[in-house]
C-alpha cells in the first residue's frame, strides 16, 4: 500500500532539496551507486528520489543545528530578555 504524500510545507526549501538531489543523482558517484542499488531492489525512480531527499533533509538539519549550537553567543544576548526589561520599570 502506498501512502499519499503531503506536498505542503516550504516550497522554496523543497525545490532546493529537489535540485540538490537531482544534481547528486547526475554527478555524485556515491549517489549514483545508491540509485543503482535501490533500482536493483525494485524501487521506482520516484521512491528513490524521495529517499534521497529525506537523507539530504536530515543532513541539512544536522548541519544547521550543529552550526547554531557552535555559533559564538548562540542563545545569549547583551540585551535583557523582554520579561526582564519589564521587571526593572
PDB file of N, CA and C in Angstrom:
ATOM      1  N   UNK A   1       0.841  -1.181   0.000  1.00  0.00           N
ATOM      2  CA  UNK A   1       0.000   0.000   0.000  1.00  0.00           C
ATOM      3  C   UNK A   1       0.885   1.242   0.000  1.00  0.00           C
ATOM      4  N   UNK A   2       0.633   2.136  -0.888  1.00  0.00           N
ATOM      5  CA  UNK A   2       1.401   3.372  -0.965  1.00  0.00           C
ATOM      6  C   UNK A   2       0.631   4.470  -0.240  1.00  0.00           C
ATOM      7  N   UNK A   3       1.386   5.318   0.451  1.00  0.00           N
ATOM      8  CA  UNK A   3       0.769   6.401   1.204  1.00  0.00           C
ATOM      9  C   UNK A   3       0.723   7.659   0.355  1.00  0.00           C
ATOM     10  N   UNK A   4      -0.298   8.424   0.575  1.00  0.00           N
ATOM     11  CA  UNK A   4      -0.438   9.688  -0.131  1.00  0.00           C
ATOM     12  C   UNK A   4       0.524  10.700   0.484  1.00  0.00           C
ATOM     13  N   UNK A   5       1.218  11.451  -0.351  1.00  0.00           N
ATOM     14  CA  UNK A   5       2.207  12.405   0.123  1.00  0.00           C
ATOM     15  C   UNK A   5       1.563  13.731   0.483  1.00  0.00           C
ATOM     16  N   UNK A   6       2.121  14.381   1.477  1.00  0.00           N
ATOM     17  CA  UNK A   6       1.739  15.741   1.819  1.00  0.00           C
ATOM     18  C   UNK A   6       2.714  16.669   1.103  1.00  0.00           C
ATOM     19  N   UNK A   7       2.239  17.419   0.154  1.00  0.00           N
ATOM     20  CA  UNK A   7       3.109  18.286  -0.626  1.00  0.00           C
ATOM     21  C   UNK A   7       3.181  19.698  -0.054  1.00  0.00           C
ATOM     22  N   UNK A   8       2.696  19.878   1.158  1.00  0.00           N
ATOM     23  CA  UNK A   8       2.741  21.186   1.790  1.00  0.00           C
ATOM     24  C   UNK A   8       4.126  21.513   2.297  1.00  0.00           C
ATOM     25  N   UNK A   9       4.221  22.615   2.996  1.00  0.00           N
ATOM     26  CA  UNK A   9       5.499  22.997   3.580  1.00  0.00           C
ATOM     27  C   UNK A   9       6.157  24.120   2.807  1.00  0.00           C
ATOM     28  N   UNK A  10       7.416  24.312   3.085  1.00  0.00           N
ATOM     29  CA  UNK A  10       8.201  25.383   2.488  1.00  0.00           C
ATOM     30  C   UNK A  10       8.560  24.997   1.053  1.00  0.00           C
ATOM     31  N   UNK A  11       7.874  25.590   0.090  1.00  0.00           N
ATOM     32  CA  UNK A  11       8.063  25.207  -1.309  1.00  0.00           C
ATOM     33  C   UNK A  11       9.467  25.551  -1.806  1.00  0.00           C
ATOM     34  N   UNK A  12      10.019  26.678  -1.361  1.00  0.00           N
ATOM     35  CA  UNK A  12      11.366  27.053  -1.804  1.00  0.00           C
ATOM     36  C   UNK A  12      12.394  26.051  -1.289  1.00  0.00           C
ATOM     37  N   UNK A  13      12.225  25.616  -0.042  1.00  0.00           N
ATOM     38  CA  UNK A  13      13.139  24.625   0.521  1.00  0.00           C
ATOM     39  C   UNK A  13      12.981  23.287  -0.195  1.00  0.00           C
ATOM     40  N   UNK A  14      11.741  22.886  -0.467  1.00  0.00           N
ATOM     41  CA  UNK A  14      11.513  21.639  -1.202  1.00  0.00           C
ATOM     42  C   UNK A  14      12.162  21.692  -2.585  1.00  0.00           C
ATOM     43  N   UNK A  15      12.073  22.821  -3.244  1.00  0.00           N
ATOM     44  CA  UNK A  15      12.688  22.984  -4.566  1.00  0.00           C
ATOM     45  C   UNK A  15      14.204  22.884  -4.457  1.00  0.00           C
ATOM     46  N   UNK A  16      14.793  23.517  -3.439  1.00  0.00           N
ATOM     47  CA  UNK A  16      16.244  23.463  -3.260  1.00  0.00           C
ATOM     48  C   UNK A  16      16.707  22.029  -3.013  1.00  0.00           C
ATOM     49  N   UNK A  17      15.979  21.295  -2.180  1.00  0.00           N
ATOM     50  CA  UNK A  17      16.335  19.898  -1.908  1.00  0.00           C
ATOM     51  C   UNK A  17      16.190  19.063  -3.178  1.00  0.00           C
ATOM     52  N   UNK A  18      15.174  19.353  -3.982  1.00  0.00           N
ATOM     53  CA  UNK A  18      14.986  18.636  -5.247  1.00  0.00           C
ATOM     54  C   UNK A  18      16.171  18.876  -6.189  1.00  0.00           C
ATOM     55  N   UNK A  19      16.621  20.126  -6.276  1.00  0.00           N
ATOM     56  CA  UNK A  19      17.757  20.452  -7.141  1.00  0.00           C
ATOM     57  C   UNK A  19      19.019  19.747  -6.645  1.00  0.00           C
ATOM     58  N   UNK A  20      19.229  19.730  -5.327  1.00  0.00           N
ATOM     59  CA  UNK A  20      20.385  19.033  -4.756  1.00  0.00           C
ATOM     60  C   UNK A  20      20.324  17.550  -5.103  1.00  0.00           C
ATOM     61  N   UNK A  21      19.160  16.945  -4.920  1.00  0.00           N
ATOM     62  CA  UNK A  21      19.012  15.514  -5.195  1.00  0.00           C
ATOM     63  C   UNK A  21      19.247  15.210  -6.672  1.00  0.00           C
ATOM     64  N   UNK A  22      18.682  16.016  -7.549  1.00  0.00           N
ATOM     65  CA  UNK A  22      18.845  15.798  -8.987  1.00  0.00           C
ATOM     66  C   UNK A  22      20.308  15.937  -9.396  1.00  0.00           C
ATOM     67  N   UNK A  23      20.980  16.949  -8.870  1.00  0.00           N
ATOM     68  CA  UNK A  23      22.390  17.159  -9.190  1.00  0.00           C
ATOM     69  C   UNK A  23      23.245  16.010  -8.681  1.00  0.00           C
ATOM     70  N   UNK A  24      22.975  15.571  -7.453  1.00  0.00           N
ATOM     71  CA  UNK A  24      23.743  14.458  -6.906  1.00  0.00           C
ATOM     72  C   UNK A  24      23.488  13.174  -7.681  1.00  0.00           C
ATOM     73  N   UNK A  25      22.259  12.945  -8.120  1.00  0.00           N
ATOM     74  CA  UNK A  25      21.956  11.741  -8.898  1.00  0.00           C
ATOM     75  C   UNK A  25      22.702  11.759 -10.234  1.00  0.00           C
ATOM     76  N   UNK A  26      22.964  12.931 -10.746  1.00  0.00           N
ATOM     77  CA  UNK A  26      23.643  13.054 -12.032  1.00  0.00           C
ATOM     78  C   UNK A  26      25.166  13.037 -11.884  1.00  0.00           C
ATOM     79  N   UNK A  27      25.709  13.682 -10.840  1.00  0.00           N
ATOM     80  CA  UNK A  27      27.150  13.933 -10.770  1.00  0.00           C
ATOM     81  C   UNK A  27      27.911  13.169  -9.697  1.00  0.00           C
ATOM     82  N   UNK A  28      27.266  12.769  -8.623  1.00  0.00           N
ATOM     83  CA  UNK A  28      27.969  12.167  -7.480  1.00  0.00           C
ATOM     84  C   UNK A  28      28.065  10.647  -7.657  1.00  0.00           C
ATOM     85  N   UNK A  29      29.279  10.089  -7.706  1.00  0.00           N
ATOM     86  CA  UNK A  29      29.419   8.640  -7.892  1.00  0.00           C
ATOM     87  C   UNK A  29      28.790   7.826  -6.761  1.00  0.00           C
ATOM     88  N   UNK A  30      28.890   8.314  -5.535  1.00  0.00           N
ATOM     89  CA  UNK A  30      28.299   7.605  -4.400  1.00  0.00           C
ATOM     90  C   UNK A  30      26.782   7.542  -4.536  1.00  0.00           C
ATOM     91  N   UNK A  31      26.185   8.664  -4.917  1.00  0.00           N
ATOM     92  CA  UNK A  31      24.732   8.712  -5.079  1.00  0.00           C
ATOM     93  C   UNK A  31      24.290   7.861  -6.265  1.00  0.00           C
ATOM     94  N   UNK A  32      25.061   7.879  -7.344  1.00  0.00           N
ATOM     95  CA  UNK A  32      24.713   7.036  -8.495  1.00  0.00           C
ATOM     96  C   UNK A  32      24.762   5.559  -8.126  1.00  0.00           C
ATOM     97  N   UNK A  33      25.739   5.166  -7.290  1.00  0.00           N
ATOM     98  CA  UNK A  33      25.804   3.772  -6.828  1.00  0.00           C
ATOM     99  C   UNK A  33      24.586   3.449  -5.966  1.00  0.00           C
ATOM    100  N   UNK A  34      24.169   4.403  -5.120  1.00  0.00           N
ATOM    101  CA  UNK A  34      22.978   4.225  -4.287  1.00  0.00           C
ATOM    102  C   UNK A  34      21.739   4.023  -5.165  1.00  0.00           C
ATOM    103  N   UNK A  35      21.606   4.853  -6.199  1.00  0.00           N
ATOM    104  CA  UNK A  35      20.457   4.753  -7.106  1.00  0.00           C
ATOM    105  C   UNK A  35      20.462   3.399  -7.812  1.00  0.00           C
ATOM    106  N   UNK A  36      21.622   2.944  -8.256  1.00  0.00           N
ATOM    107  CA  UNK A  36      21.712   1.639  -8.928  1.00  0.00           C
ATOM    108  C   UNK A  36      21.330   0.511  -7.972  1.00  0.00           C
ATOM    109  N   UNK A  37      21.784   0.615  -6.726  1.00  0.00           N
ATOM    110  CA  UNK A  37      21.462  -0.409  -5.723  1.00  0.00           C
ATOM    111  C   UNK A  37      19.966  -0.439  -5.439  1.00  0.00           C
ATOM    112  N   UNK A  38      19.360   0.731  -5.279  1.00  0.00           N
ATOM    113  CA  UNK A  38      17.922   0.789  -4.993  1.00  0.00           C
ATOM    114  C   UNK A  38      17.094   0.341  -6.201  1.00  0.00           C
ATOM    115  N   UNK A  39      17.569   0.640  -7.405  1.00  0.00           N
ATOM    116  CA  UNK A  39      16.880   0.188  -8.614  1.00  0.00           C
ATOM    117  C   UNK A  39      16.902  -1.334  -8.688  1.00  0.00           C
ATOM    118  N   UNK A  40      18.041  -1.923  -8.336  1.00  0.00           N
ATOM    119  CA  UNK A  40      18.149  -3.386  -8.331  1.00  0.00           C
ATOM    120  C   UNK A  40      17.214  -4.001  -7.296  1.00  0.00           C
ATOM    121  N   UNK A  41      16.888  -3.249  -6.248  1.00  0.00           N
ATOM    122  CA  UNK A  41      15.957  -3.727  -5.223  1.00  0.00           C
ATOM    123  C   UNK A  41      14.506  -3.608  -5.681  1.00  0.00           C
ATOM    124  N   UNK A  42      14.294  -3.003  -6.844  1.00  0.00           N
ATOM    125  CA  UNK A  42      12.945  -2.893  -7.382  1.00  0.00           C
ATOM    126  C   UNK A  42      12.238  -1.596  -7.037  1.00  0.00           C
ATOM    127  N   UNK A  43      12.962  -0.607  -6.541  1.00  0.00           N
ATOM    128  CA  UNK A  43      12.342   0.681  -6.212  1.00  0.00           C
ATOM    129  C   UNK A  43      12.126   1.497  -7.481  1.00  0.00           C
ATOM    130  N   UNK A  44      11.044   2.246  -7.495  1.00  0.00           N
ATOM    131  CA  UNK A  44      10.755   3.134  -8.615  1.00  0.00           C
ATOM    132  C   UNK A  44      11.604   4.397  -8.494  1.00  0.00           C
ATOM    133  N   UNK A  45      11.850   5.093  -9.596  1.00  0.00           N
ATOM    134  CA  UNK A  45      12.656   6.326  -9.532  1.00  0.00           C
ATOM    135  C   UNK A  45      12.092   7.363  -8.556  1.00  0.00           C
ATOM    136  N   UNK A  46      10.756   7.464  -8.479  1.00  0.00           N
ATOM    137  CA  UNK A  46      10.151   8.424  -7.550  1.00  0.00           C
ATOM    138  C   UNK A  46      10.471   8.049  -6.103  1.00  0.00           C
ATOM    139  N   UNK A  47      10.428   6.763  -5.799  1.00  0.00           N
ATOM    140  CA  UNK A  47      10.720   6.306  -4.438  1.00  0.00           C
ATOM    141  C   UNK A  47      12.186   6.538  -4.096  1.00  0.00           C
ATOM    142  N   UNK A  48      13.060   6.295  -5.054  1.00  0.00           N
ATOM    143  CA  UNK A  48      14.490   6.512  -4.824  1.00  0.00           C
ATOM    144  C   UNK A  48      14.755   7.988  -4.569  1.00  0.00           C
ATOM    145  N   UNK A  49      14.154   8.850  -5.382  1.00  0.00           N
ATOM    146  CA  UNK A  49      14.347  10.292  -5.211  1.00  0.00           C
ATOM    147  C   UNK A  49      13.801  10.747  -3.859  1.00  0.00           C
ATOM    148  N   UNK A  50      12.662  10.198  -3.447  1.00  0.00           N
ATOM    149  CA  UNK A  50      12.073  10.553  -2.156  1.00  0.00           C
ATOM    150  C   UNK A  50      13.006  10.170  -1.007  1.00  0.00           C
ATOM    151  N   UNK A  51      13.574   8.966  -1.072  1.00  0.00           N
ATOM    152  CA  UNK A  51      14.521   8.521  -0.035  1.00  0.00           C
ATOM    153  C   UNK A  51      15.745   9.426  -0.005  1.00  0.00           C
ATOM    154  N   UNK A  52      16.248   9.774  -1.178  1.00  0.00           N
ATOM    155  CA  UNK A  52      17.420  10.635  -1.263  1.00  0.00           C
ATOM    156  C   UNK A  52      17.117  12.024  -0.707  1.00  0.00           C
ATOM    157  N   UNK A  53      15.939  12.554  -0.995  1.00  0.00           N
ATOM    158  CA  UNK A  53      15.558  13.867  -0.474  1.00  0.00           C
ATOM    159  C   UNK A  53      15.455  13.844   1.049  1.00  0.00           C
ATOM    160  N   UNK A  54      14.926  12.772   1.601  1.00  0.00           N
ATOM    161  CA  UNK A  54      14.851  12.663   3.062  1.00  0.00           C
ATOM    162  C   UNK A  54      16.242  12.638   3.671  1.00  0.00           C
ATOM    163  N   UNK A  55      17.154  11.906   3.034  1.00  0.00           N
ATOM    164  CA  UNK A  55      18.533  11.842   3.513  1.00  0.00           C
ATOM    165  C   UNK A  55      19.172  13.234   3.476  1.00  0.00           C
ATOM    166  N   UNK A  56      18.968  13.960   2.391  1.00  0.00           N
ATOM    167  CA  UNK A  56      19.520  15.310   2.256  1.00  0.00           C
ATOM    168  C   UNK A  56      18.917  16.236   3.306  1.00  0.00           C
ATOM    169  N   UNK A  57      17.612  16.134   3.537  1.00  0.00           N
ATOM    170  CA  UNK A  57      16.957  16.973   4.547  1.00  0.00           C
ATOM    171  C   UNK A  57      17.532  16.698   5.935  1.00  0.00           C
ATOM    172  N   UNK A  58      17.787  15.427   6.254  1.00  0.00           N
ATOM    173  CA  UNK A  58      18.396  15.102   7.552  1.00  0.00           C
ATOM    174  C   UNK A  58      19.800  15.675   7.650  1.00  0.00           C
ATOM    175  N   UNK A  59      20.582  15.596   6.563  1.00  0.00           N
ATOM    176  CA  UNK A  59      21.928  16.170   6.560  1.00  0.00           C
ATOM    177  C   UNK A  59      21.865  17.682   6.781  1.00  0.00           C
ATOM    178  N   UNK A  60      20.965  18.357   6.083  1.00  0.00           N
ATOM    179  CA  UNK A  60      20.826  19.805   6.235  1.00  0.00           C
ATOM    180  C   UNK A  60      20.431  20.179   7.656  1.00  0.00           C
ATOM    181  N   UNK A  61      19.489  19.445   8.231  1.00  0.00           N
ATOM    182  CA  UNK A  61      19.033  19.744   9.586  1.00  0.00           C
ATOM    183  C   UNK A  61      20.178  19.588  10.586  1.00  0.00           C
ATOM    184  N   UNK A  62      20.924  18.483  10.473  1.00  0.00           N
ATOM    185  CA  UNK A  62      22.060  18.270  11.385  1.00  0.00           C
ATOM    186  C   UNK A  62      23.096  19.374  11.234  1.00  0.00           C
ATOM    187  N   UNK A  63      23.372  19.766  10.004  1.00  0.00           N
ATOM    188  CA  UNK A  63      24.353  20.822   9.761  1.00  0.00           C
ATOM    189  C   UNK A  63      23.885  22.145  10.350  1.00  0.00           C
ATOM    190  N   UNK A  64      22.633  22.491  10.133  1.00  0.00           N
ATOM    191  CA  UNK A  64      22.115  23.758  10.645  1.00  0.00           C
ATOM    192  C   UNK A  64      22.065  23.784  12.164  1.00  0.00           C
ATOM    193  N   UNK A  65      21.603  22.713  12.790  1.00  0.00           N
ATOM    194  CA  UNK A  65      21.516  22.710  14.250  1.00  0.00           C
ATOM    195  C   UNK A  65      22.900  22.709  14.874  1.00  0.00           C
ATOM    196  N   UNK A  66      23.849  22.002  14.272  1.00  0.00           N
ATOM    197  CA  UNK A  66      25.216  21.987  14.795  1.00  0.00           C
ATOM    198  C   UNK A  66      25.842  23.374  14.651  1.00  0.00           C
ATOM    199  N   UNK A  67      25.611  24.032  13.527  1.00  0.00           N
ATOM    200  CA  UNK A  67      26.154  25.364  13.294  1.00  0.00           C
ATOM    201  C   UNK A  67      25.573  26.359  14.286  1.00  0.00           C
ATOM    202  N   UNK A  68      24.281  26.265  14.550  1.00  0.00           N
ATOM    203  CA  UNK A  68      23.648  27.179  15.501  1.00  0.00           C
ATOM    204  C   UNK A  68      24.170  26.956  16.912  1.00  0.00           C
ATOM    205  N   UNK A  69      24.419  25.713  17.289  1.00  0.00           N
ATOM    206  CA  UNK A  69      24.908  25.412  18.632  1.00  0.00           C
ATOM    207  C   UNK A  69      26.344  25.883  18.815  1.00  0.00           C
ATOM    208  N   UNK A  70      27.141  25.862  17.753  1.00  0.00           N
ATOM    209  CA  UNK A  70      28.545  26.242  17.849  1.00  0.00           C
ATOM    210  C   UNK A  70      28.775  27.725  17.614  1.00  0.00           C
ATOM    211  N   UNK A  71      27.763  28.457  17.194  1.00  0.00           N
ATOM    212  CA  UNK A  71      27.924  29.877  16.909  1.00  0.00           C
ATOM    213  C   UNK A  71      28.257  30.622  18.194  1.00  0.00           C
ATOM    214  N   UNK A  72      29.228  31.539  18.143  1.00  0.00           N
ATOM    215  CA  UNK A  72      29.563  32.292  19.352  1.00  0.00           C
ATOM    216  C   UNK A  72      28.371  33.130  19.803  1.00  0.00           C
ATOM    217  N   UNK A  73      28.058  33.033  21.074  1.00  0.00           N
ATOM    218  CA  UNK A  73      26.946  33.789  21.627  1.00  0.00           C
ATOM    219  C   UNK A  73      25.590  33.231  21.283  1.00  0.00           C
ATOM    220  N   UNK A  74      25.541  31.993  20.844  1.00  0.00           N
ATOM    221  CA  UNK A  74      24.256  31.397  20.485  1.00  0.00           C
ATOM    222  C   UNK A  74      23.354  31.348  21.705  1.00  0.00           C
ATOM    223  N   UNK A  75      22.180  31.910  21.572  1.00  0.00           N
ATOM    224  CA  UNK A  75      21.224  31.887  22.668  1.00  0.00           C
ATOM    225  C   UNK A  75      21.486  32.941  23.733  1.00  0.00           C
ATOM    226  N   UNK A  76      22.546  33.738  23.577  1.00  0.00           N
ATOM    227  CA  UNK A  76      22.848  34.783  24.552  1.00  0.00           C
ATOM    228  C   UNK A  76      22.774  36.139  23.871  1.00  0.00           C
ATOM    229  N   UNK A  77      22.472  37.123  24.659  1.00  0.00           N
ATOM    230  CA  UNK A  77      22.411  38.472  24.130  1.00  0.00           C
ATOM    231  C   UNK A  77      22.752  39.444  25.244  1.00  0.00           C
ATOM    232  N   UNK A  78      23.356  40.567  24.887  1.00  0.00           N
ATOM    233  CA  UNK A  78      23.645  41.598  25.883  1.00  0.00           C
ATOM    234  C   UNK A  78      22.374  42.328  26.282  1.00  0.00           C
ATOM    235  N   UNK A  79      21.381  42.273  25.425  1.00  0.00           N
ATOM    236  CA  UNK A  79      20.100  42.897  25.724  1.00  0.00           C
ATOM    237  C   UNK A  79      19.329  42.027  26.706  1.00  0.00           C
ATOM    238  N   UNK A  80      18.650  42.618  27.679  1.00  0.00           N
ATOM    239  CA  UNK A  80      17.844  41.800  28.592  1.00  0.00           C
ATOM    240  C   UNK A  80      16.649  41.200  27.857  1.00  0.00           C
ATOM    241  N   UNK A  81      16.198  40.072  28.355  1.00  0.00           N
ATOM    242  CA  UNK A  81      15.011  39.448  27.782  1.00  0.00           C
ATOM    243  C   UNK A  81      13.827  40.381  27.989  1.00  0.00           C
ATOM    244  N   UNK A  82      12.800  40.318  27.155  1.00  0.00           N
ATOM    245  CA  UNK A  82      11.655  41.230  27.294  1.00  0.00           C
ATOM    246  C   UNK A  82      11.037  41.195  28.685  1.00  0.00           C
ATOM    247  N   UNK A  83      10.934  40.030  29.299  1.00  0.00           N
ATOM    248  CA  UNK A  83      10.337  39.970  30.632  1.00  0.00           C
ATOM    249  C   UNK A  83      11.232  40.645  31.661  1.00  0.00           C
ATOM    250  N   UNK A  84      12.554  40.552  31.520  1.00  0.00           N
ATOM    251  CA  UNK A  84      13.475  41.214  32.444  1.00  0.00           C
ATOM    252  C   UNK A  84      13.396  42.725  32.288  1.00  0.00           C
ATOM    253  N   UNK A  85      13.229  43.206  31.083  1.00  0.00           N
ATOM    254  CA  UNK A  85      13.133  44.642  30.847  1.00  0.00           C
ATOM    255  C   UNK A  85      11.883  45.206  31.510  1.00  0.00           C
ATOM    256  N   UNK A  86      10.791  44.462  31.522  1.00  0.00           N
ATOM    257  CA  UNK A  86       9.559  44.934  32.147  1.00  0.00           C
ATOM    258  C   UNK A  86       9.664  44.921  33.665  1.00  0.00           C
ATOM    259  N   UNK A  87      10.418  43.992  34.238  1.00  0.00           N
ATOM    260  CA  UNK A  87      10.542  43.896  35.687  1.00  0.00           C
ATOM    261  C   UNK A  87      11.315  45.067  36.272  1.00  0.00           C
ATOM    262  N   UNK A  88      12.169  45.718  35.504  1.00  0.00           N
ATOM    263  CA  UNK A  88      13.013  46.796  36.014  1.00  0.00           C
ATOM    264  C   UNK A  88      12.318  48.144  36.004  1.00  0.00           C
ATOM    265  N   UNK A  89      11.096  48.244  35.560  1.00  0.00           N
ATOM    266  CA  UNK A  89      10.429  49.541  35.481  1.00  0.00           C
ATOM    267  C   UNK A  89       9.680  49.861  36.729  1.00  0.00           C
TER     268      UNK A  89
END
